[in-house]
Amino acid sequence: PPGLTRDSILGDMLEELESRGADVGEAAAARW
């Protein structure tokens, strides 16, 4: 929605994705 910047959501999710990828593997991280 307007008022939410792209980086505020997608940036946080990307960081979490990379963290999960290192812990549980890329396939499981992609499913998350």
mmCIF file of all heavy atoms, coordinates in Angstrom:
data_MODEL
# 
_entry.id   MODEL 
# 
loop_
_atom_site.group_PDB 
_atom_site.id 
_atom_site.type_symbol 
_atom_site.label_atom_id 
_atom_site.label_alt_id 
_atom_site.label_comp_id 
_atom_site.label_asym_id 
_atom_site.label_entity_id 
_atom_site.label_seq_id 
_atom_site.pdbx_PDB_ins_code 
_atom_site.Cartn_x 
_atom_site.Cartn_y 
_atom_site.Cartn_z 
_atom_site.occupancy 
_atom_site.B_iso_or_equiv 
_atom_site.pdbx_formal_charge 
_atom_site.auth_seq_id 
_atom_site.auth_comp_id 
_atom_site.auth_asym_id 
_atom_site.auth_atom_id 
_atom_site.pdbx_PDB_model_num 
ATOM 1   N N   . PRO A 1 1  ? 0.824  -1.208  0.000  1.00 0.00 ? 1  PRO A N   1 
ATOM 2   C CA  . PRO A 1 1  ? 0.000  0.000   0.000  1.00 0.00 ? 1  PRO A CA  1 
ATOM 3   C C   . PRO A 1 1  ? 0.853  1.251   0.000  1.00 0.00 ? 1  PRO A C   1 
ATOM 4   O O   . PRO A 1 1  ? 2.036  1.212   0.374  1.00 0.00 ? 1  PRO A O   1 
ATOM 5   C CB  . PRO A 1 1  ? -0.796 -0.129  1.301  1.00 0.00 ? 1  PRO A CB  1 
ATOM 6   C CG  . PRO A 1 1  ? 0.120  -0.891  2.202  1.00 0.00 ? 1  PRO A CG  1 
ATOM 7   C CD  . PRO A 1 1  ? 0.843  -1.868  1.312  1.00 0.00 ? 1  PRO A CD  1 
ATOM 8   N N   . PRO A 1 2  ? 0.282  2.383   -0.408 1.00 0.00 ? 2  PRO A N   1 
ATOM 9   C CA  . PRO A 1 2  ? 1.016  3.647   -0.323 1.00 0.00 ? 2  PRO A CA  1 
ATOM 10  C C   . PRO A 1 2  ? 1.424  3.920   1.113  1.00 0.00 ? 2  PRO A C   1 
ATOM 11  O O   . PRO A 1 2  ? 0.690  3.644   2.052  1.00 0.00 ? 2  PRO A O   1 
ATOM 12  C CB  . PRO A 1 2  ? -0.004 4.679   -0.823 1.00 0.00 ? 2  PRO A CB  1 
ATOM 13  C CG  . PRO A 1 2  ? -0.965 3.889   -1.653 1.00 0.00 ? 2  PRO A CG  1 
ATOM 14  C CD  . PRO A 1 2  ? -1.049 2.534   -1.012 1.00 0.00 ? 2  PRO A CD  1 
ATOM 15  N N   . GLY A 1 3  ? 2.597  4.461   1.282  1.00 0.00 ? 3  GLY A N   1 
ATOM 16  C CA  . GLY A 1 3  ? 3.101  4.757   2.612  1.00 0.00 ? 3  GLY A CA  1 
ATOM 17  C C   . GLY A 1 3  ? 4.113  3.750   3.096  1.00 0.00 ? 3  GLY A C   1 
ATOM 18  O O   . GLY A 1 3  ? 4.873  4.024   4.012  1.00 0.00 ? 3  GLY A O   1 
ATOM 19  N N   . LEU A 1 4  ? 4.109  2.593   2.498  1.00 0.00 ? 4  LEU A N   1 
ATOM 20  C CA  . LEU A 1 4  ? 5.111  1.581   2.826  1.00 0.00 ? 4  LEU A CA  1 
ATOM 21  C C   . LEU A 1 4  ? 6.158  1.562   1.728  1.00 0.00 ? 4  LEU A C   1 
ATOM 22  O O   . LEU A 1 4  ? 5.835  1.335   0.560  1.00 0.00 ? 4  LEU A O   1 
ATOM 23  C CB  . LEU A 1 4  ? 4.476  0.190   2.957  1.00 0.00 ? 4  LEU A CB  1 
ATOM 24  C CG  . LEU A 1 4  ? 3.783  -0.142  4.271  1.00 0.00 ? 4  LEU A CG  1 
ATOM 25  C CD1 . LEU A 1 4  ? 3.235  -1.563  4.232  1.00 0.00 ? 4  LEU A CD1 1 
ATOM 26  C CD2 . LEU A 1 4  ? 4.738  -0.007  5.441  1.00 0.00 ? 4  LEU A CD2 1 
ATOM 27  N N   . THR A 1 5  ? 7.382  1.800   2.070  1.00 0.00 ? 5  THR A N   1 
ATOM 28  C CA  . THR A 1 5  ? 8.434  1.777   1.064  1.00 0.00 ? 5  THR A CA  1 
ATOM 29  C C   . THR A 1 5  ? 8.800  0.347   0.718  1.00 0.00 ? 5  THR A C   1 
ATOM 30  O O   . THR A 1 5  ? 8.637  -0.578  1.514  1.00 0.00 ? 5  THR A O   1 
ATOM 31  C CB  . THR A 1 5  ? 9.687  2.508   1.578  1.00 0.00 ? 5  THR A CB  1 
ATOM 32  O OG1 . THR A 1 5  ? 10.181 1.822   2.731  1.00 0.00 ? 5  THR A OG1 1 
ATOM 33  C CG2 . THR A 1 5  ? 9.355  3.942   1.936  1.00 0.00 ? 5  THR A CG2 1 
ATOM 34  N N   . ARG A 1 6  ? 9.298  0.189   -0.477 1.00 0.00 ? 6  ARG A N   1 
ATOM 35  C CA  . ARG A 1 6  ? 9.662  -1.146  -0.958 1.00 0.00 ? 6  ARG A CA  1 
ATOM 36  C C   . ARG A 1 6  ? 10.709 -1.784  -0.060 1.00 0.00 ? 6  ARG A C   1 
ATOM 37  O O   . ARG A 1 6  ? 10.601 -2.955  0.315  1.00 0.00 ? 6  ARG A O   1 
ATOM 38  C CB  . ARG A 1 6  ? 10.173 -1.043  -2.394 1.00 0.00 ? 6  ARG A CB  1 
ATOM 39  C CG  . ARG A 1 6  ? 10.532 -2.375  -3.030 1.00 0.00 ? 6  ARG A CG  1 
ATOM 40  C CD  . ARG A 1 6  ? 11.090 -2.152  -4.438 1.00 0.00 ? 6  ARG A CD  1 
ATOM 41  N NE  . ARG A 1 6  ? 11.269 -3.399  -5.129 1.00 0.00 ? 6  ARG A NE  1 
ATOM 42  C CZ  . ARG A 1 6  ? 12.326 -4.202  -5.000 1.00 0.00 ? 6  ARG A CZ  1 
ATOM 43  N NH1 . ARG A 1 6  ? 13.288 -3.859  -4.145 1.00 0.00 ? 6  ARG A NH1 1 
ATOM 44  N NH2 . ARG A 1 6  ? 12.418 -5.325  -5.676 1.00 0.00 ? 6  ARG A NH2 1 
ATOM 45  N N   . ASP A 1 7  ? 11.726 -1.011  0.321  1.00 0.00 ? 7  ASP A N   1 
ATOM 46  C CA  . ASP A 1 7  ? 12.818 -1.572  1.102  1.00 0.00 ? 7  ASP A CA  1 
ATOM 47  C C   . ASP A 1 7  ? 12.397 -1.961  2.515  1.00 0.00 ? 7  ASP A C   1 
ATOM 48  O O   . ASP A 1 7  ? 12.981 -2.862  3.122  1.00 0.00 ? 7  ASP A O   1 
ATOM 49  C CB  . ASP A 1 7  ? 13.988 -0.581  1.170  1.00 0.00 ? 7  ASP A CB  1 
ATOM 50  C CG  . ASP A 1 7  ? 14.674 -0.414  -0.178 1.00 0.00 ? 7  ASP A CG  1 
ATOM 51  O OD1 . ASP A 1 7  ? 14.496 -1.301  -1.032 1.00 0.00 ? 7  ASP A OD1 1 
ATOM 52  O OD2 . ASP A 1 7  ? 15.365 0.605   -0.366 1.00 0.00 ? 7  ASP A OD2 1 
ATOM 53  N N   . SER A 1 8  ? 11.369 -1.290  3.041  1.00 0.00 ? 8  SER A N   1 
ATOM 54  C CA  . SER A 1 8  ? 10.963 -1.572  4.411  1.00 0.00 ? 8  SER A CA  1 
ATOM 55  C C   . SER A 1 8  ? 10.427 -2.985  4.568  1.00 0.00 ? 8  SER A C   1 
ATOM 56  O O   . SER A 1 8  ? 10.533 -3.584  5.628  1.00 0.00 ? 8  SER A O   1 
ATOM 57  C CB  . SER A 1 8  ? 9.900  -0.566  4.873  1.00 0.00 ? 8  SER A CB  1 
ATOM 58  O OG  . SER A 1 8  ? 8.697  -0.724  4.137  1.00 0.00 ? 8  SER A OG  1 
ATOM 59  N N   . ILE A 1 9  ? 9.817  -3.525  3.510  1.00 0.00 ? 9  ILE A N   1 
ATOM 60  C CA  . ILE A 1 9  ? 9.277  -4.882  3.561  1.00 0.00 ? 9  ILE A CA  1 
ATOM 61  C C   . ILE A 1 9  ? 10.163 -5.855  2.791  1.00 0.00 ? 9  ILE A C   1 
ATOM 62  O O   . ILE A 1 9  ? 10.660 -6.845  3.338  1.00 0.00 ? 9  ILE A O   1 
ATOM 63  C CB  . ILE A 1 9  ? 7.850  -4.930  2.986  1.00 0.00 ? 9  ILE A CB  1 
ATOM 64  C CG1 . ILE A 1 9  ? 6.922  -4.019  3.805  1.00 0.00 ? 9  ILE A CG1 1 
ATOM 65  C CG2 . ILE A 1 9  ? 7.320  -6.362  2.992  1.00 0.00 ? 9  ILE A CG2 1 
ATOM 66  C CD1 . ILE A 1 9  ? 6.768  -4.436  5.250  1.00 0.00 ? 9  ILE A CD1 1 
ATOM 67  N N   . LEU A 1 10 ? 10.389 -5.562  1.522  1.00 0.00 ? 10 LEU A N   1 
ATOM 68  C CA  . LEU A 1 10 ? 11.146 -6.488  0.685  1.00 0.00 ? 10 LEU A CA  1 
ATOM 69  C C   . LEU A 1 10 ? 12.592 -6.596  1.141  1.00 0.00 ? 10 LEU A C   1 
ATOM 70  O O   . LEU A 1 10 ? 13.200 -7.672  1.048  1.00 0.00 ? 10 LEU A O   1 
ATOM 71  C CB  . LEU A 1 10 ? 11.082 -6.046  -0.778 1.00 0.00 ? 10 LEU A CB  1 
ATOM 72  C CG  . LEU A 1 10 ? 9.684  -6.048  -1.404 1.00 0.00 ? 10 LEU A CG  1 
ATOM 73  C CD1 . LEU A 1 10 ? 9.748  -5.595  -2.859 1.00 0.00 ? 10 LEU A CD1 1 
ATOM 74  C CD2 . LEU A 1 10 ? 9.047  -7.416  -1.310 1.00 0.00 ? 10 LEU A CD2 1 
ATOM 75  N N   . GLY A 1 11 ? 13.144 -5.477  1.641  1.00 0.00 ? 11 GLY A N   1 
ATOM 76  C CA  . GLY A 1 11 ? 14.526 -5.530  2.113  1.00 0.00 ? 11 GLY A CA  1 
ATOM 77  C C   . GLY A 1 11 ? 14.669 -6.426  3.333  1.00 0.00 ? 11 GLY A C   1 
ATOM 78  O O   . GLY A 1 11 ? 15.589 -7.240  3.430  1.00 0.00 ? 11 GLY A O   1 
ATOM 79  N N   . ASP A 1 12 ? 13.699 -6.288  4.281  1.00 0.00 ? 12 ASP A N   1 
ATOM 80  C CA  . ASP A 1 12 ? 13.743 -7.140  5.470  1.00 0.00 ? 12 ASP A CA  1 
ATOM 81  C C   . ASP A 1 12 ? 13.551 -8.604  5.103  1.00 0.00 ? 12 ASP A C   1 
ATOM 82  O O   . ASP A 1 12 ? 14.195 -9.496  5.661  1.00 0.00 ? 12 ASP A O   1 
ATOM 83  C CB  . ASP A 1 12 ? 12.663 -6.703  6.463  1.00 0.00 ? 12 ASP A CB  1 
ATOM 84  C CG  . ASP A 1 12 ? 12.972 -5.356  7.099  1.00 0.00 ? 12 ASP A CG  1 
ATOM 85  O OD1 . ASP A 1 12 ? 14.126 -4.914  6.988  1.00 0.00 ? 12 ASP A OD1 1 
ATOM 86  O OD2 . ASP A 1 12 ? 12.055 -4.751  7.689  1.00 0.00 ? 12 ASP A OD2 1 
ATOM 87  N N   . MET A 1 13 ? 12.642 -8.853  4.162  1.00 0.00 ? 13 MET A N   1 
ATOM 88  C CA  . MET A 1 13 ? 12.398 -10.242 3.765  1.00 0.00 ? 13 MET A CA  1 
ATOM 89  C C   . MET A 1 13 ? 13.615 -10.836 3.066  1.00 0.00 ? 13 MET A C   1 
ATOM 90  O O   . MET A 1 13 ? 13.915 -12.025 3.217  1.00 0.00 ? 13 MET A O   1 
ATOM 91  C CB  . MET A 1 13 ? 11.174 -10.319 2.848  1.00 0.00 ? 13 MET A CB  1 
ATOM 92  C CG  . MET A 1 13 ? 9.859  -10.109 3.584  1.00 0.00 ? 13 MET A CG  1 
ATOM 93  S SD  . MET A 1 13 ? 8.431  -10.451 2.549  1.00 0.00 ? 13 MET A SD  1 
ATOM 94  C CE  . MET A 1 13 ? 8.659  -12.192 2.167  1.00 0.00 ? 13 MET A CE  1 
ATOM 95  N N   . LEU A 1 14 ? 14.315 -10.018 2.291  1.00 0.00 ? 14 LEU A N   1 
ATOM 96  C CA  . LEU A 1 14 ? 15.506 -10.516 1.612  1.00 0.00 ? 14 LEU A CA  1 
ATOM 97  C C   . LEU A 1 14 ? 16.591 -10.892 2.620  1.00 0.00 ? 14 LEU A C   1 
ATOM 98  O O   . LEU A 1 14 ? 17.256 -11.939 2.471  1.00 0.00 ? 14 LEU A O   1 
ATOM 99  C CB  . LEU A 1 14 ? 16.030 -9.451  0.634  1.00 0.00 ? 14 LEU A CB  1 
ATOM 100 C CG  . LEU A 1 14 ? 17.284 -9.840  -0.164 1.00 0.00 ? 14 LEU A CG  1 
ATOM 101 C CD1 . LEU A 1 14 ? 17.029 -11.099 -0.979 1.00 0.00 ? 14 LEU A CD1 1 
ATOM 102 C CD2 . LEU A 1 14 ? 17.716 -8.689  -1.059 1.00 0.00 ? 14 LEU A CD2 1 
ATOM 103 N N   . GLU A 1 15 ? 16.757 -10.055 3.656  1.00 0.00 ? 15 GLU A N   1 
ATOM 104 C CA  . GLU A 1 15 ? 17.737 -10.370 4.695  1.00 0.00 ? 15 GLU A CA  1 
ATOM 105 C C   . GLU A 1 15 ? 17.382 -11.677 5.406  1.00 0.00 ? 15 GLU A C   1 
ATOM 106 O O   . GLU A 1 15 ? 18.239 -12.514 5.678  1.00 0.00 ? 15 GLU A O   1 
ATOM 107 C CB  . GLU A 1 15 ? 17.820 -9.222  5.700  1.00 0.00 ? 15 GLU A CB  1 
ATOM 108 C CG  . GLU A 1 15 ? 18.448 -7.950  5.134  1.00 0.00 ? 15 GLU A CG  1 
ATOM 109 C CD  . GLU A 1 15 ? 18.531 -6.857  6.180  1.00 0.00 ? 15 GLU A CD  1 
ATOM 110 O OE1 . GLU A 1 15 ? 18.202 -7.141  7.357  1.00 0.00 ? 15 GLU A OE1 1 
ATOM 111 O OE2 . GLU A 1 15 ? 18.916 -5.721  5.839  1.00 0.00 ? 15 GLU A OE2 1 
ATOM 112 N N   . GLU A 1 16 ? 16.089 -11.830 5.721  1.00 0.00 ? 16 GLU A N   1 
ATOM 113 C CA  . GLU A 1 16 ? 15.650 -13.054 6.383  1.00 0.00 ? 16 GLU A CA  1 
ATOM 114 C C   . GLU A 1 16 ? 15.829 -14.266 5.471  1.00 0.00 ? 16 GLU A C   1 
ATOM 115 O O   . GLU A 1 16 ? 16.206 -15.352 5.926  1.00 0.00 ? 16 GLU A O   1 
ATOM 116 C CB  . GLU A 1 16 ? 14.183 -12.921 6.802  1.00 0.00 ? 16 GLU A CB  1 
ATOM 117 C CG  . GLU A 1 16 ? 13.602 -14.134 7.507  1.00 0.00 ? 16 GLU A CG  1 
ATOM 118 C CD  . GLU A 1 16 ? 14.233 -14.390 8.862  1.00 0.00 ? 16 GLU A CD  1 
ATOM 119 O OE1 . GLU A 1 16 ? 14.852 -13.456 9.414  1.00 0.00 ? 16 GLU A OE1 1 
ATOM 120 O OE2 . GLU A 1 16 ? 14.099 -15.518 9.370  1.00 0.00 ? 16 GLU A OE2 1 
ATOM 121 N N   . LEU A 1 17 ? 15.559 -14.082 4.172  1.00 0.00 ? 17 LEU A N   1 
ATOM 122 C CA  . LEU A 1 17 ? 15.736 -15.165 3.207  1.00 0.00 ? 17 LEU A CA  1 
ATOM 123 C C   . LEU A 1 17 ? 17.184 -15.636 3.172  1.00 0.00 ? 17 LEU A C   1 
ATOM 124 O O   . LEU A 1 17 ? 17.464 -16.847 3.191  1.00 0.00 ? 17 LEU A O   1 
ATOM 125 C CB  . LEU A 1 17 ? 15.305 -14.708 1.819  1.00 0.00 ? 17 LEU A CB  1 
ATOM 126 C CG  . LEU A 1 17 ? 15.535 -15.702 0.664  1.00 0.00 ? 17 LEU A CG  1 
ATOM 127 C CD1 . LEU A 1 17 ? 14.581 -16.888 0.797  1.00 0.00 ? 17 LEU A CD1 1 
ATOM 128 C CD2 . LEU A 1 17 ? 15.356 -15.012 -0.679 1.00 0.00 ? 17 LEU A CD2 1 
ATOM 129 N N   . GLU A 1 18 ? 18.115 -14.698 3.118  1.00 0.00 ? 18 GLU A N   1 
ATOM 130 C CA  . GLU A 1 18 ? 19.530 -15.054 3.078  1.00 0.00 ? 18 GLU A CA  1 
ATOM 131 C C   . GLU A 1 18 ? 19.960 -15.750 4.355  1.00 0.00 ? 18 GLU A C   1 
ATOM 132 O O   . GLU A 1 18 ? 20.747 -16.698 4.334  1.00 0.00 ? 18 GLU A O   1 
ATOM 133 C CB  . GLU A 1 18 ? 20.358 -13.790 2.831  1.00 0.00 ? 18 GLU A CB  1 
ATOM 134 C CG  . GLU A 1 18 ? 20.134 -13.188 1.448  1.00 0.00 ? 18 GLU A CG  1 
ATOM 135 C CD  . GLU A 1 18 ? 20.827 -11.846 1.285  1.00 0.00 ? 18 GLU A CD  1 
ATOM 136 O OE1 . GLU A 1 18 ? 21.233 -11.266 2.322  1.00 0.00 ? 18 GLU A OE1 1 
ATOM 137 O OE2 . GLU A 1 18 ? 20.952 -11.378 0.143  1.00 0.00 ? 18 GLU A OE2 1 
ATOM 138 N N   . SER A 1 19 ? 19.420 -15.283 5.497  1.00 0.00 ? 19 SER A N   1 
ATOM 139 C CA  . SER A 1 19 ? 19.757 -15.907 6.772  1.00 0.00 ? 19 SER A CA  1 
ATOM 140 C C   . SER A 1 19 ? 19.224 -17.336 6.832  1.00 0.00 ? 19 SER A C   1 
ATOM 141 O O   . SER A 1 19 ? 19.930 -18.273 7.236  1.00 0.00 ? 19 SER A O   1 
ATOM 142 C CB  . SER A 1 19 ? 19.184 -15.092 7.933  1.00 0.00 ? 19 SER A CB  1 
ATOM 143 O OG  . SER A 1 19 ? 19.412 -15.737 9.170  1.00 0.00 ? 19 SER A OG  1 
ATOM 144 N N   . ARG A 1 20 ? 17.975 -17.518 6.400  1.00 0.00 ? 20 ARG A N   1 
ATOM 145 C CA  . ARG A 1 20 ? 17.389 -18.853 6.409  1.00 0.00 ? 20 ARG A CA  1 
ATOM 146 C C   . ARG A 1 20 ? 18.093 -19.765 5.404  1.00 0.00 ? 20 ARG A C   1 
ATOM 147 O O   . ARG A 1 20 ? 18.243 -20.967 5.644  1.00 0.00 ? 20 ARG A O   1 
ATOM 148 C CB  . ARG A 1 20 ? 15.901 -18.781 6.083  1.00 0.00 ? 20 ARG A CB  1 
ATOM 149 C CG  . ARG A 1 20 ? 15.048 -18.213 7.213  1.00 0.00 ? 20 ARG A CG  1 
ATOM 150 C CD  . ARG A 1 20 ? 13.605 -18.054 6.796  1.00 0.00 ? 20 ARG A CD  1 
ATOM 151 N NE  . ARG A 1 20 ? 12.792 -17.561 7.895  1.00 0.00 ? 20 ARG A NE  1 
ATOM 152 C CZ  . ARG A 1 20 ? 12.083 -18.327 8.720  1.00 0.00 ? 20 ARG A CZ  1 
ATOM 153 N NH1 . ARG A 1 20 ? 12.102 -19.644 8.560  1.00 0.00 ? 20 ARG A NH1 1 
ATOM 154 N NH2 . ARG A 1 20 ? 11.367 -17.807 9.682  1.00 0.00 ? 20 ARG A NH2 1 
ATOM 155 N N   . GLY A 1 21 ? 18.490 -19.208 4.267  1.00 0.00 ? 21 GLY A N   1 
ATOM 156 C CA  . GLY A 1 21 ? 19.185 -20.008 3.275  1.00 0.00 ? 21 GLY A CA  1 
ATOM 157 C C   . GLY A 1 21 ? 20.467 -20.598 3.814  1.00 0.00 ? 21 GLY A C   1 
ATOM 158 O O   . GLY A 1 21 ? 20.831 -21.734 3.510  1.00 0.00 ? 21 GLY A O   1 
ATOM 159 N N   . ALA A 1 22 ? 21.164 -19.821 4.639  1.00 0.00 ? 22 ALA A N   1 
ATOM 160 C CA  . ALA A 1 22 ? 22.409 -20.321 5.235  1.00 0.00 ? 22 ALA A CA  1 
ATOM 161 C C   . ALA A 1 22 ? 22.145 -21.373 6.300  1.00 0.00 ? 22 ALA A C   1 
ATOM 162 O O   . ALA A 1 22 ? 22.962 -22.267 6.512  1.00 0.00 ? 22 ALA A O   1 
ATOM 163 C CB  . ALA A 1 22 ? 23.191 -19.153 5.839  1.00 0.00 ? 22 ALA A CB  1 
ATOM 164 N N   . ASP A 1 23 ? 20.973 -21.283 6.949  1.00 0.00 ? 23 ASP A N   1 
ATOM 165 C CA  . ASP A 1 23 ? 20.682 -22.211 8.043  1.00 0.00 ? 23 ASP A CA  1 
ATOM 166 C C   . ASP A 1 23 ? 20.012 -23.494 7.572  1.00 0.00 ? 23 ASP A C   1 
ATOM 167 O O   . ASP A 1 23 ? 20.398 -24.587 7.994  1.00 0.00 ? 23 ASP A O   1 
ATOM 168 C CB  . ASP A 1 23 ? 19.782 -21.524 9.085  1.00 0.00 ? 23 ASP A CB  1 
ATOM 169 C CG  . ASP A 1 23 ? 20.505 -20.400 9.812  1.00 0.00 ? 23 ASP A CG  1 
ATOM 170 O OD1 . ASP A 1 23 ? 21.750 -20.414 9.836  1.00 0.00 ? 23 ASP A OD1 1 
ATOM 171 O OD2 . ASP A 1 23 ? 19.816 -19.505 10.337 1.00 0.00 ? 23 ASP A OD2 1 
ATOM 172 N N   . VAL A 1 24 ? 18.998 -23.364 6.713  1.00 0.00 ? 24 VAL A N   1 
ATOM 173 C CA  . VAL A 1 24 ? 18.178 -24.539 6.359  1.00 0.00 ? 24 VAL A CA  1 
ATOM 174 C C   . VAL A 1 24 ? 18.272 -24.910 4.890  1.00 0.00 ? 24 VAL A C   1 
ATOM 175 O O   . VAL A 1 24 ? 17.629 -25.863 4.456  1.00 0.00 ? 24 VAL A O   1 
ATOM 176 C CB  . VAL A 1 24 ? 16.704 -24.297 6.743  1.00 0.00 ? 24 VAL A CB  1 
ATOM 177 C CG1 . VAL A 1 24 ? 16.579 -24.053 8.226  1.00 0.00 ? 24 VAL A CG1 1 
ATOM 178 C CG2 . VAL A 1 24 ? 16.114 -23.117 5.965  1.00 0.00 ? 24 VAL A CG2 1 
ATOM 179 N N   . GLY A 1 25 ? 19.019 -24.154 4.092  1.00 0.00 ? 25 GLY A N   1 
ATOM 180 C CA  . GLY A 1 25 ? 19.135 -24.460 2.671  1.00 0.00 ? 25 GLY A CA  1 
ATOM 181 C C   . GLY A 1 25 ? 18.256 -23.563 1.817  1.00 0.00 ? 25 GLY A C   1 
ATOM 182 O O   . GLY A 1 25 ? 17.250 -23.004 2.284  1.00 0.00 ? 25 GLY A O   1 
ATOM 183 N N   . GLU A 1 26 ? 18.631 -23.408 0.558  1.00 0.00 ? 26 GLU A N   1 
ATOM 184 C CA  . GLU A 1 26 ? 17.944 -22.475 -0.327 1.00 0.00 ? 26 GLU A CA  1 
ATOM 185 C C   . GLU A 1 26 ? 16.511 -22.910 -0.636 1.00 0.00 ? 26 GLU A C   1 
ATOM 186 O O   . GLU A 1 26 ? 15.619 -22.076 -0.740 1.00 0.00 ? 26 GLU A O   1 
ATOM 187 C CB  . GLU A 1 26 ? 18.739 -22.317 -1.631 1.00 0.00 ? 26 GLU A CB  1 
ATOM 188 C CG  . GLU A 1 26 ? 20.086 -21.623 -1.434 1.00 0.00 ? 26 GLU A CG  1 
ATOM 189 C CD  . GLU A 1 26 ? 20.748 -21.296 -2.755 1.00 0.00 ? 26 GLU A CD  1 
ATOM 190 O OE1 . GLU A 1 26 ? 20.152 -21.600 -3.806 1.00 0.00 ? 26 GLU A OE1 1 
ATOM 191 O OE2 . GLU A 1 26 ? 21.855 -20.728 -2.741 1.00 0.00 ? 26 GLU A OE2 1 
ATOM 192 N N   . ALA A 1 27 ? 16.278 -24.211 -0.795 1.00 0.00 ? 27 ALA A N   1 
ATOM 193 C CA  . ALA A 1 27 ? 14.932 -24.676 -1.134 1.00 0.00 ? 27 ALA A CA  1 
ATOM 194 C C   . ALA A 1 27 ? 13.944 -24.366 -0.014 1.00 0.00 ? 27 ALA A C   1 
ATOM 195 O O   . ALA A 1 27 ? 12.849 -23.840 -0.252 1.00 0.00 ? 27 ALA A O   1 
ATOM 196 C CB  . ALA A 1 27 ? 14.953 -26.175 -1.430 1.00 0.00 ? 27 ALA A CB  1 
ATOM 197 N N   . ALA A 1 28 ? 14.310 -24.676 1.218  1.00 0.00 ? 28 ALA A N   1 
ATOM 198 C CA  . ALA A 1 28 ? 13.427 -24.403 2.353  1.00 0.00 ? 28 ALA A CA  1 
ATOM 199 C C   . ALA A 1 28 ? 13.237 -22.899 2.551  1.00 0.00 ? 28 ALA A C   1 
ATOM 200 O O   . ALA A 1 28 ? 12.145 -22.436 2.886  1.00 0.00 ? 28 ALA A O   1 
ATOM 201 C CB  . ALA A 1 28 ? 13.992 -25.037 3.624  1.00 0.00 ? 28 ALA A CB  1 
ATOM 202 N N   . ALA A 1 29 ? 14.304 -22.138 2.348  1.00 0.00 ? 29 ALA A N   1 
ATOM 203 C CA  . ALA A 1 29 ? 14.198 -20.687 2.484  1.00 0.00 ? 29 ALA A CA  1 
ATOM 204 C C   . ALA A 1 29 ? 13.267 -20.101 1.428  1.00 0.00 ? 29 ALA A C   1 
ATOM 205 O O   . ALA A 1 29 ? 12.483 -19.193 1.716  1.00 0.00 ? 29 ALA A O   1 
ATOM 206 C CB  . ALA A 1 29 ? 15.590 -20.057 2.376  1.00 0.00 ? 29 ALA A CB  1 
ATOM 207 N N   . ALA A 1 30 ? 13.339 -20.620 0.211  1.00 0.00 ? 30 ALA A N   1 
ATOM 208 C CA  . ALA A 1 30 ? 12.461 -20.135 -0.855 1.00 0.00 ? 30 ALA A CA  1 
ATOM 209 C C   . ALA A 1 30 ? 11.002 -20.445 -0.540 1.00 0.00 ? 30 ALA A C   1 
ATOM 210 O O   . ALA A 1 30 ? 10.111 -19.634 -0.800 1.00 0.00 ? 30 ALA A O   1 
ATOM 211 C CB  . ALA A 1 30 ? 12.868 -20.752 -2.190 1.00 0.00 ? 30 ALA A CB  1 
ATOM 212 N N   . ARG A 1 31 ? 10.751 -21.633 0.042  1.00 0.00 ? 31 ARG A N   1 
ATOM 213 C CA  . ARG A 1 31 ? 9.372  -21.964 0.420  1.00 0.00 ? 31 ARG A CA  1 
ATOM 214 C C   . ARG A 1 31 ? 8.858  -21.007 1.493  1.00 0.00 ? 31 ARG A C   1 
ATOM 215 O O   . ARG A 1 31 ? 7.699  -20.591 1.463  1.00 0.00 ? 31 ARG A O   1 
ATOM 216 C CB  . ARG A 1 31 ? 9.295  -23.414 0.911  1.00 0.00 ? 31 ARG A CB  1 
ATOM 217 C CG  . ARG A 1 31 ? 9.491  -24.442 -0.196 1.00 0.00 ? 31 ARG A CG  1 
ATOM 218 C CD  . ARG A 1 31 ? 9.081  -25.833 0.275  1.00 0.00 ? 31 ARG A CD  1 
ATOM 219 N NE  . ARG A 1 31 ? 9.988  -26.371 1.272  1.00 0.00 ? 31 ARG A NE  1 
ATOM 220 C CZ  . ARG A 1 31 ? 11.050 -27.093 0.976  1.00 0.00 ? 31 ARG A CZ  1 
ATOM 221 N NH1 . ARG A 1 31 ? 11.331 -27.377 -0.280 1.00 0.00 ? 31 ARG A NH1 1 
ATOM 222 N NH2 . ARG A 1 31 ? 11.836 -27.579 1.929  1.00 0.00 ? 31 ARG A NH2 1 
ATOM 223 N N   . TRP A 1 32 ? 9.734  -20.657 2.463  1.00 0.00 ? 32 TRP A N   1 
ATOM 224 C CA  . TRP A 1 32 ? 9.333  -19.682 3.485  1.00 0.00 ? 32 TRP A CA  1 
ATOM 225 C C   . TRP A 1 32 ? 8.992  -18.343 2.833  1.00 0.00 ? 32 TRP A C   1 
ATOM 226 O O   . TRP A 1 32 ? 7.993  -17.707 3.181  1.00 0.00 ? 32 TRP A O   1 
ATOM 227 C CB  . TRP A 1 32 ? 10.472 -19.484 4.489  1.00 0.00 ? 32 TRP A CB  1 
ATOM 228 C CG  . TRP A 1 32 ? 10.228 -18.311 5.394  1.00 0.00 ? 32 TRP A CG  1 
ATOM 229 C CD1 . TRP A 1 32 ? 9.526  -18.296 6.553  1.00 0.00 ? 32 TRP A CD1 1 
ATOM 230 C CD2 . TRP A 1 32 ? 10.655 -16.955 5.164  1.00 0.00 ? 32 TRP A CD2 1 
ATOM 231 N NE1 . TRP A 1 32 ? 9.492  -17.031 7.074  1.00 0.00 ? 32 TRP A NE1 1 
ATOM 232 C CE2 . TRP A 1 32 ? 10.170 -16.182 6.247  1.00 0.00 ? 32 TRP A CE2 1 
ATOM 233 C CE3 . TRP A 1 32 ? 11.405 -16.338 4.160  1.00 0.00 ? 32 TRP A CE3 1 
ATOM 234 C CZ2 . TRP A 1 32 ? 10.405 -14.816 6.338  1.00 0.00 ? 32 TRP A CZ2 1 
ATOM 235 C CZ3 . TRP A 1 32 ? 11.642 -14.983 4.252  1.00 0.00 ? 32 TRP A CZ3 1 
ATOM 236 C CH2 . TRP A 1 32 ? 11.148 -14.228 5.334  1.00 0.00 ? 32 TRP A CH2 1 
# 
